[in-house]
Amino acid sequence: MTARIRILLADDHPIVRDGLVAILGTQADFEVVGEASNGAELITLAGTLKPDVVLTDLEMPGMDGVAAIREIRDHLPTVRIIVLTVFDTDDRIISSIQAGAHGYLLKGAPRNEIFNAIRVVGAGGSLLHPIITSKLLEHIRAPESTANESLTEREMEVLRLLAQGKTNREIAENLSITERTVKFHVSSITGKLGVNNRTEAVTLAVQRGLITL
């Protein structure tokens, strides 16, 4: 009898987990051994259950999926990890792959793609959704970013303070400017970096070596 692939699920929505359990249960070579609702719980269960494959979302309360992936990679290197998420932005993809994910699928992918990904990754391979592969290739082919050249000296100061977790008011006080001016700089920074919010701006800036934490 062929050994089953032991799978640990992580998603903060019970209905999503229930759906995945039902879908994966149709495959004779799959066994769902546990379910986690957040990143911290995922790490705990991974350490206890030692699954073959982790299937995890990225956006979860408390510790998110990327941080959990990194933790599992560092302490359980034999566990294979697949991201199953709605996010297809470049920074999420790159962060997940750098953290140690072996597969990246978008929610809504046909169940056969999910089955195939679990089997491929479980066997030691890697598999990305076609859209994700295209985005990753575009990122690799893109010329080196000149974002640090386009950001003004003041914007770099604001970015460094954002990386320290400071609020708009604290940044305003630190730089002796108004909160309205800080908001303007933050909007300019996110626009130039092509991200949606300050957290993504800091993450991307660190990845590109513009700032250090």
C-alpha atoms as a PDB file:
ATOM      1  CA  MET A   1       0.000   0.000   0.000  1.00  0.00           C
ATOM      2  CA  THR A   2       1.340   3.429  -0.978  1.00  0.00           C
ATOM      3  CA  ALA A   3       2.183   5.668   1.976  1.00  0.00           C
ATOM      4  CA  ARG A   4      -0.195   8.554   2.437  1.00  0.00           C
ATOM      5  CA  ILE A   5       0.922  12.181   2.231  1.00  0.00           C
ATOM      6  CA  ARG A   6       0.244  13.643   5.667  1.00  0.00           C
ATOM      7  CA  ILE A   7      -1.115  17.183   5.291  1.00  0.00           C
ATOM      8  CA  LEU A   8      -1.456  20.014   7.804  1.00  0.00           C
ATOM      9  CA  LEU A   9      -3.870  22.821   6.849  1.00  0.00           C
ATOM     10  CA  ALA A  10      -3.712  26.446   8.001  1.00  0.00           C
ATOM     11  CA  ASP A  11      -6.415  29.031   7.304  1.00  0.00           C
ATOM     12  CA  ASP A  12      -8.255  31.380   9.632  1.00  0.00           C
ATOM     13  CA  HIS A  13     -11.629  30.663   8.001  1.00  0.00           C
ATOM     14  CA  PRO A  14     -13.238  27.423   9.302  1.00  0.00           C
ATOM     15  CA  ILE A  15     -15.403  27.087   6.191  1.00  0.00           C
ATOM     16  CA  VAL A  16     -12.279  27.127   3.987  1.00  0.00           C
ATOM     17  CA  ARG A  17     -10.616  24.466   6.130  1.00  0.00           C
ATOM     18  CA  ASP A  18     -13.779  22.337   6.066  1.00  0.00           C
ATOM     19  CA  GLY A  19     -13.894  22.611   2.283  1.00  0.00           C
ATOM     20  CA  LEU A  20     -10.251  21.627   1.919  1.00  0.00           C
ATOM     21  CA  VAL A  21     -10.661  18.666   4.272  1.00  0.00           C
ATOM     22  CA  ALA A  22     -13.601  17.447   2.196  1.00  0.00           C
ATOM     23  CA  ILE A  23     -11.799  17.920  -1.118  1.00  0.00           C
ATOM     24  CA  LEU A  24      -8.526  16.358  -0.001  1.00  0.00           C
ATOM     25  CA  GLY A  25     -10.420  13.492   1.589  1.00  0.00           C
ATOM     26  CA  THR A  26     -11.440  12.289  -1.863  1.00  0.00           C
ATOM     27  CA  GLN A  27      -7.841  11.247  -2.567  1.00  0.00           C
ATOM     28  CA  ALA A  28      -6.743   7.875  -1.246  1.00  0.00           C
ATOM     29  CA  ASP A  29      -3.112   8.971  -0.880  1.00  0.00           C
ATOM     30  CA  PHE A  30      -3.901  12.077   1.213  1.00  0.00           C
ATOM     31  CA  GLU A  31      -4.426  12.287   4.958  1.00  0.00           C
ATOM     32  CA  VAL A  32      -5.245  15.587   6.706  1.00  0.00           C
ATOM     33  CA  VAL A  33      -3.596  15.234  10.103  1.00  0.00           C
ATOM     34  CA  GLY A  34      -4.359  18.663  11.546  1.00  0.00           C
ATOM     35  CA  GLU A  35      -5.861  22.126  11.112  1.00  0.00           C
ATOM     36  CA  ALA A  36      -4.519  25.487  12.293  1.00  0.00           C
ATOM     37  CA  SER A  37      -6.313  28.847  12.390  1.00  0.00           C
ATOM     38  CA  ASN A  38      -3.245  31.106  12.641  1.00  0.00           C
ATOM     39  CA  GLY A  39       0.511  31.142  12.180  1.00  0.00           C
ATOM     40  CA  ALA A  40       1.429  30.443  15.803  1.00  0.00           C
ATOM     41  CA  GLU A  41      -0.887  27.434  15.907  1.00  0.00           C
ATOM     42  CA  LEU A  42       0.539  26.229  12.607  1.00  0.00           C
ATOM     43  CA  ILE A  43       4.063  26.242  14.019  1.00  0.00           C
ATOM     44  CA  THR A  44       2.969  24.363  17.145  1.00  0.00           C
ATOM     45  CA  LEU A  45       1.068  21.707  15.213  1.00  0.00           C
ATOM     46  CA  ALA A  46       3.850  21.312  12.662  1.00  0.00           C
ATOM     47  CA  GLY A  47       6.306  20.598  15.458  1.00  0.00           C
ATOM     48  CA  THR A  48       3.944  18.095  17.060  1.00  0.00           C
ATOM     49  CA  LEU A  49       2.543  16.332  14.005  1.00  0.00           C
ATOM     50  CA  LYS A  50       5.593  16.469  11.682  1.00  0.00           C
ATOM     51  CA  PRO A  51       3.449  16.519   8.498  1.00  0.00           C
ATOM     52  CA  ASP A  52       4.821  15.828   5.041  1.00  0.00           C
ATOM     53  CA  VAL A  53       3.147  18.889   3.536  1.00  0.00           C
ATOM     54  CA  VAL A  54       1.787  22.114   4.976  1.00  0.00           C
ATOM     55  CA  LEU A  55      -0.943  23.887   2.992  1.00  0.00           C
ATOM     56  CA  THR A  56      -1.232  27.409   4.362  1.00  0.00           C
ATOM     57  CA  ASP A  57      -2.869  30.764   3.738  1.00  0.00           C
ATOM     58  CA  LEU A  58      -0.787  33.951   4.130  1.00  0.00           C
ATOM     59  CA  GLU A  59      -3.196  36.397   5.768  1.00  0.00           C
ATOM     60  CA  MET A  60      -3.953  35.100   9.278  1.00  0.00           C
ATOM     61  CA  PRO A  61      -4.354  36.811  12.663  1.00  0.00           C
ATOM     62  CA  GLY A  62      -1.324  37.181  14.892  1.00  0.00           C
ATOM     63  CA  MET A  63       1.664  35.643  13.162  1.00  0.00           C
ATOM     64  CA  ASP A  64       1.059  35.587   9.415  1.00  0.00           C
ATOM     65  CA  GLY A  65       1.814  32.817   6.956  1.00  0.00           C
ATOM     66  CA  VAL A  66       5.185  34.147   5.778  1.00  0.00           C
ATOM     67  CA  ALA A  67       6.568  34.333   9.323  1.00  0.00           C
ATOM     68  CA  ALA A  68       5.240  30.840  10.042  1.00  0.00           C
ATOM     69  CA  ILE A  69       6.805  29.469   6.853  1.00  0.00           C
ATOM     70  CA  ARG A  70      10.166  30.904   7.838  1.00  0.00           C
ATOM     71  CA  GLU A  71       9.910  29.400  11.327  1.00  0.00           C
ATOM     72  CA  ILE A  72       8.986  25.961   9.988  1.00  0.00           C
ATOM     73  CA  ARG A  73      11.798  26.071   7.435  1.00  0.00           C
ATOM     74  CA  ASP A  74      14.335  26.892  10.148  1.00  0.00           C
ATOM     75  CA  HIS A  75      13.218  24.207  12.599  1.00  0.00           C
ATOM     76  CA  LEU A  76      11.571  21.553  10.412  1.00  0.00           C
ATOM     77  CA  PRO A  77      13.505  21.606   7.125  1.00  0.00           C
ATOM     78  CA  THR A  78      12.021  18.322   5.892  1.00  0.00           C
ATOM     79  CA  VAL A  79       8.458  19.673   5.957  1.00  0.00           C
ATOM     80  CA  ARG A  80       7.313  20.811   2.526  1.00  0.00           C
ATOM     81  CA  ILE A  81       5.189  23.973   2.315  1.00  0.00           C
ATOM     82  CA  ILE A  82       2.574  25.139  -0.181  1.00  0.00           C
ATOM     83  CA  VAL A  83       0.929  28.558  -0.045  1.00  0.00           C
ATOM     84  CA  LEU A  84      -2.776  28.652  -0.956  1.00  0.00           C
ATOM     85  CA  THR A  85      -3.938  32.256  -0.984  1.00  0.00           C
ATOM     86  CA  VAL A  86      -5.839  34.988  -2.803  1.00  0.00           C
ATOM     87  CA  PHE A  87      -2.773  37.239  -2.951  1.00  0.00           C
ATOM     88  CA  ASP A  88      -0.886  37.412  -6.253  1.00  0.00           C
ATOM     89  CA  THR A  89       1.151  40.572  -5.611  1.00  0.00           C
ATOM     90  CA  ASP A  90       4.868  40.410  -6.336  1.00  0.00           C
ATOM     91  CA  ASP A  91       5.950  41.190  -2.777  1.00  0.00           C
ATOM     92  CA  ARG A  92       3.773  38.406  -1.303  1.00  0.00           C
ATOM     93  CA  ILE A  93       5.083  35.904  -3.829  1.00  0.00           C
ATOM     94  CA  ILE A  94       8.741  36.829  -3.366  1.00  0.00           C
ATOM     95  CA  SER A  95       8.423  36.954   0.434  1.00  0.00           C
ATOM     96  CA  SER A  96       6.838  33.499   0.523  1.00  0.00           C
ATOM     97  CA  ILE A  97       9.416  31.898  -1.750  1.00  0.00           C
ATOM     98  CA  GLN A  98      12.286  33.530   0.142  1.00  0.00           C
ATOM     99  CA  ALA A  99      10.769  32.349   3.422  1.00  0.00           C
ATOM    100  CA  GLY A 100      10.878  28.753   2.189  1.00  0.00           C
ATOM    101  CA  ALA A 101       7.624  27.921   0.376  1.00  0.00           C
ATOM    102  CA  HIS A 102       7.943  25.140  -2.219  1.00  0.00           C
ATOM    103  CA  GLY A 103       4.640  25.862  -3.934  1.00  0.00           C
ATOM    104  CA  TYR A 104       2.330  28.834  -4.454  1.00  0.00           C
ATOM    105  CA  LEU A 105      -1.277  28.430  -5.567  1.00  0.00           C
ATOM    106  CA  LEU A 106      -4.171  30.856  -5.785  1.00  0.00           C
ATOM    107  CA  LYS A 107      -7.465  30.052  -4.113  1.00  0.00           C
ATOM    108  CA  GLY A 108      -9.901  29.130  -6.809  1.00  0.00           C
ATOM    109  CA  ALA A 109      -7.388  26.884  -8.549  1.00  0.00           C
ATOM    110  CA  PRO A 110      -8.985  23.678  -9.877  1.00  0.00           C
ATOM    111  CA  ARG A 111      -8.856  20.881  -7.339  1.00  0.00           C
ATOM    112  CA  ASN A 112      -6.725  18.771  -9.686  1.00  0.00           C
ATOM    113  CA  GLU A 113      -4.056  21.513  -9.616  1.00  0.00           C
ATOM    114  CA  ILE A 114      -4.105  21.428  -5.815  1.00  0.00           C
ATOM    115  CA  PHE A 115      -3.861  17.623  -5.814  1.00  0.00           C
ATOM    116  CA  ASN A 116      -0.974  17.721  -8.278  1.00  0.00           C
ATOM    117  CA  ALA A 117       0.858  20.409  -6.314  1.00  0.00           C
ATOM    118  CA  ILE A 118       0.629  18.408  -3.093  1.00  0.00           C
ATOM    119  CA  ARG A 119       1.986  15.304  -4.805  1.00  0.00           C
ATOM    120  CA  VAL A 120       4.785  17.143  -6.608  1.00  0.00           C
ATOM    121  CA  VAL A 121       5.866  19.144  -3.558  1.00  0.00           C
ATOM    122  CA  GLY A 122       5.438  16.131  -1.280  1.00  0.00           C
ATOM    123  CA  ALA A 123       7.810  14.198  -3.532  1.00  0.00           C
ATOM    124  CA  GLY A 124      10.460  16.882  -3.185  1.00  0.00           C
ATOM    125  CA  GLY A 125       9.631  19.128  -6.128  1.00  0.00           C
ATOM    126  CA  SER A 126       8.320  22.664  -6.455  1.00  0.00           C
ATOM    127  CA  LEU A 127       5.215  23.921  -8.194  1.00  0.00           C
ATOM    128  CA  LEU A 128       3.819  27.395  -8.792  1.00  0.00           C
ATOM    129  CA  HIS A 129       0.498  28.507 -10.238  1.00  0.00           C
ATOM    130  CA  PRO A 130       1.077  29.597 -13.885  1.00  0.00           C
ATOM    131  CA  ILE A 131       0.200  33.217 -13.053  1.00  0.00           C
ATOM    132  CA  ILE A 132       2.666  33.144 -10.171  1.00  0.00           C
ATOM    133  CA  THR A 133       5.369  31.712 -12.413  1.00  0.00           C
ATOM    134  CA  SER A 134       4.845  34.541 -14.901  1.00  0.00           C
ATOM    135  CA  LYS A 135       5.062  37.188 -12.190  1.00  0.00           C
ATOM    136  CA  LEU A 136       8.189  35.598 -10.732  1.00  0.00           C
ATOM    137  CA  LEU A 137       9.864  35.523 -14.134  1.00  0.00           C
ATOM    138  CA  GLU A 138       8.963  39.173 -14.733  1.00  0.00           C
ATOM    139  CA  HIS A 139      10.469  40.066 -11.387  1.00  0.00           C
ATOM    140  CA  ILE A 140      13.685  38.184 -12.176  1.00  0.00           C
ATOM    141  CA  ARG A 141      13.959  39.748 -15.628  1.00  0.00           C
ATOM    142  CA  ALA A 142      13.225  43.273 -14.412  1.00  0.00           C
ATOM    143  CA  PRO A 143      16.220  45.611 -14.271  1.00  0.00           C
ATOM    144  CA  GLU A 144      17.598  46.534 -10.878  1.00  0.00           C
ATOM    145  CA  SER A 145      15.234  48.892  -9.127  1.00  0.00           C
ATOM    146  CA  THR A 146      16.134  52.544  -9.024  1.00  0.00           C
ATOM    147  CA  ALA A 147      13.560  53.245  -6.333  1.00  0.00           C
ATOM    148  CA  ASN A 148      16.261  54.430  -3.945  1.00  0.00           C
ATOM    149  CA  GLU A 149      17.273  57.003  -6.541  1.00  0.00           C
ATOM    150  CA  SER A 150      13.693  58.221  -7.053  1.00  0.00           C
ATOM    151  CA  LEU A 151      12.933  58.542  -3.340  1.00  0.00           C
ATOM    152  CA  THR A 152      13.882  61.939  -1.958  1.00  0.00           C
ATOM    153  CA  GLU A 153      16.126  62.310   1.083  1.00  0.00           C
ATOM    154  CA  ARG A 154      13.088  63.253   3.187  1.00  0.00           C
ATOM    155  CA  GLU A 155      11.147  60.235   1.924  1.00  0.00           C
ATOM    156  CA  MET A 156      14.049  57.987   2.889  1.00  0.00           C
ATOM    157  CA  GLU A 157      13.980  59.507   6.392  1.00  0.00           C
ATOM    158  CA  VAL A 158      10.253  58.797   6.633  1.00  0.00           C
ATOM    159  CA  LEU A 159      10.775  55.262   5.320  1.00  0.00           C
ATOM    160  CA  ARG A 160      13.409  54.530   7.969  1.00  0.00           C
ATOM    161  CA  LEU A 161      11.065  55.742  10.694  1.00  0.00           C
ATOM    162  CA  LEU A 162       8.244  53.648   9.262  1.00  0.00           C
ATOM    163  CA  ALA A 163      10.548  50.645   9.543  1.00  0.00           C
ATOM    164  CA  GLN A 164      10.905  51.448  13.251  1.00  0.00           C
ATOM    165  CA  GLY A 165       7.138  51.140  13.615  1.00  0.00           C
ATOM    166  CA  LYS A 166       6.549  54.811  14.358  1.00  0.00           C
ATOM    167  CA  THR A 167       3.141  56.417  13.852  1.00  0.00           C
ATOM    168  CA  ASN A 168       2.515  59.444  11.650  1.00  0.00           C
ATOM    169  CA  ARG A 169       2.429  61.650  14.740  1.00  0.00           C
ATOM    170  CA  GLU A 170       5.750  60.275  16.016  1.00  0.00           C
ATOM    171  CA  ILE A 171       7.339  60.732  12.592  1.00  0.00           C
ATOM    172  CA  ALA A 172       6.032  64.305  12.433  1.00  0.00           C
ATOM    173  CA  GLU A 173       7.495  65.082  15.845  1.00  0.00           C
ATOM    174  CA  ASN A 174      10.801  63.437  14.990  1.00  0.00           C
ATOM    175  CA  LEU A 175      11.216  65.362  11.725  1.00  0.00           C
ATOM    176  CA  SER A 176       9.539  68.589  12.910  1.00  0.00           C
ATOM    177  CA  ILE A 177       6.911  68.475  10.179  1.00  0.00           C
ATOM    178  CA  THR A 178       3.110  68.197  10.205  1.00  0.00           C
ATOM    179  CA  GLU A 179       1.191  64.921  10.205  1.00  0.00           C
ATOM    180  CA  ARG A 180      -0.374  65.998   6.915  1.00  0.00           C
ATOM    181  CA  THR A 181       3.099  66.272   5.401  1.00  0.00           C
ATOM    182  CA  VAL A 182       3.961  62.817   6.740  1.00  0.00           C
ATOM    183  CA  LYS A 183       0.845  61.381   5.094  1.00  0.00           C
ATOM    184  CA  PHE A 184       1.886  63.019   1.835  1.00  0.00           C
ATOM    185  CA  HIS A 185       5.365  61.465   2.063  1.00  0.00           C
ATOM    186  CA  VAL A 186       3.949  58.016   2.909  1.00  0.00           C
ATOM    187  CA  SER A 187       1.597  58.224  -0.081  1.00  0.00           C
ATOM    188  CA  SER A 188       4.501  59.229  -2.317  1.00  0.00           C
ATOM    189  CA  ILE A 189       6.673  56.373  -0.994  1.00  0.00           C
ATOM    190  CA  THR A 190       4.024  53.689  -1.559  1.00  0.00           C
ATOM    191  CA  GLY A 191       3.353  55.089  -5.020  1.00  0.00           C
ATOM    192  CA  LYS A 192       7.002  55.041  -6.069  1.00  0.00           C
ATOM    193  CA  LEU A 193       7.552  51.553  -4.679  1.00  0.00           C
ATOM    194  CA  GLY A 194       4.335  50.274  -6.235  1.00  0.00           C
ATOM    195  CA  VAL A 195       2.859  48.924  -2.998  1.00  0.00           C
ATOM    196  CA  ASN A 196      -0.475  49.338  -1.246  1.00  0.00           C
ATOM    197  CA  ASN A 197       0.452  50.315   2.308  1.00  0.00           C
ATOM    198  CA  ARG A 198       3.293  51.198   4.671  1.00  0.00           C
ATOM    199  CA  THR A 199       3.860  47.592   5.780  1.00  0.00           C
ATOM    200  CA  GLU A 200       4.405  46.479   2.186  1.00  0.00           C
ATOM    201  CA  ALA A 201       6.625  49.525   1.614  1.00  0.00           C
ATOM    202  CA  VAL A 202       8.909  48.579   4.494  1.00  0.00           C
ATOM    203  CA  THR A 203       8.976  44.909   3.454  1.00  0.00           C
ATOM    204  CA  LEU A 204       9.895  45.743  -0.136  1.00  0.00           C
ATOM    205  CA  ALA A 205      12.451  48.350   0.925  1.00  0.00           C
ATOM    206  CA  VAL A 206      14.193  45.787   3.126  1.00  0.00           C
ATOM    207  CA  GLN A 207      14.145  43.197   0.330  1.00  0.00           C
ATOM    208  CA  ARG A 208      15.723  45.699  -2.053  1.00  0.00           C
ATOM    209  CA  GLY A 209      18.332  46.765   0.461  1.00  0.00           C
ATOM    210  CA  LEU A 210      17.089  50.351   0.668  1.00  0.00           C
ATOM    211  CA  ILE A 211      16.875  50.116   4.447  1.00  0.00           C
ATOM    212  CA  THR A 212      17.771  47.670   7.196  1.00  0.00           C
ATOM    213  CA  LEU A 213      15.725  46.740  10.225  1.00  0.00           C
END
